[in-house]
């Protein structure tokens, strides 16, 4: 079976994980320190995507918005 991610993409994830452990990885807009392991992986994968490496497309996340009003 073929690889889901390229080897170079996994290197980007590894780099993000090391930065998180060191305490220098920061999130996008807010610039807060990343503490979550899952968030560090997501940042590494998105960086790999931007560089054009073989990474599957993002799955649809939660949708923002308020509750639906009852009529």
Protein backbone atom coordinates (compact mmCIF):
# COMPACT_ATOMS: atom_id res chain seq x y z
CA UNK A 1 0.00 0.00 0.00
CA UNK A 2 1.22 3.49 -0.83
CA UNK A 3 2.29 5.98 1.82
CA UNK A 4 -0.39 8.41 2.97
CA UNK A 5 2.14 11.19 3.69
CA UNK A 6 5.48 11.84 2.01
CA UNK A 7 8.65 11.33 4.04
CA UNK A 8 9.43 15.04 3.81
CA UNK A 9 5.96 15.86 5.19
CA UNK A 10 6.65 13.67 8.22
CA UNK A 11 9.92 15.58 8.70
CA UNK A 12 7.89 18.82 8.88
CA UNK A 13 5.64 17.26 11.52
CA UNK A 14 8.70 16.07 13.44
CA UNK A 15 10.16 19.60 13.32
CA UNK A 16 6.88 21.04 14.70
CA UNK A 17 6.81 18.45 17.50
CA UNK A 18 10.38 19.32 18.52
CA UNK A 19 9.50 23.02 18.55
CA UNK A 20 6.46 22.28 20.75
CA UNK A 21 8.58 20.32 23.19
CA UNK A 22 11.13 23.13 23.29
CA UNK A 23 8.30 25.63 23.90
CA UNK A 24 8.83 27.79 20.80
CA UNK A 25 5.93 26.59 18.62
CA UNK A 26 3.21 29.22 18.31
CA UNK A 27 -0.23 29.11 16.76
CA UNK A 28 -1.29 31.20 13.77
CA UNK A 29 -3.28 34.34 14.50
CA UNK A 30 -3.10 34.57 18.27
CA UNK A 31 0.57 33.67 18.51
CA UNK A 32 -0.02 31.70 21.72
CA UNK A 33 2.29 28.83 22.65
CA UNK A 34 1.06 25.46 21.47
CA UNK A 35 0.75 22.88 24.25
CA UNK A 36 -1.41 20.28 22.54
CA UNK A 37 0.25 17.39 20.73
CA UNK A 38 -2.58 17.19 18.18
CA UNK A 39 -2.32 20.89 17.42
CA UNK A 40 1.44 20.57 16.83
CA UNK A 41 0.83 17.75 14.35
CA UNK A 42 -1.82 19.84 12.57
CA UNK A 43 0.59 22.78 12.27
CA UNK A 44 3.31 20.50 10.86
CA UNK A 45 0.91 19.06 8.28
CA UNK A 46 -0.39 22.46 7.22
CA UNK A 47 3.19 23.69 6.72
CA UNK A 48 3.87 20.63 4.55
CA UNK A 49 0.68 21.34 2.57
CA UNK A 50 1.81 24.92 1.92
CA UNK A 51 5.14 23.62 0.60
CA UNK A 52 3.23 21.34 -1.82
CA UNK A 53 4.21 18.01 -0.27
CA UNK A 54 2.10 14.86 -0.44
CA UNK A 55 -0.42 15.26 2.38
CA UNK A 56 -4.12 14.30 2.24
CA UNK A 57 -6.69 17.09 2.19
CA UNK A 58 -8.08 18.44 5.44
CA UNK A 59 -11.29 16.88 6.69
CA UNK A 60 -14.15 19.26 7.44
CA UNK A 61 -13.89 20.46 11.00
CA UNK A 62 -16.51 21.88 13.29
CA UNK A 63 -18.62 24.67 11.90
CA UNK A 64 -18.82 27.94 13.74
CA UNK A 65 -22.13 29.59 14.41
CA UNK A 66 -24.82 29.93 16.96
CA UNK A 67 -27.70 27.68 17.71
CA UNK A 68 -30.62 27.45 15.33
CA UNK A 69 -33.67 29.39 16.42
CA UNK A 70 -36.92 27.56 16.90
CA UNK A 71 -39.89 29.15 15.22
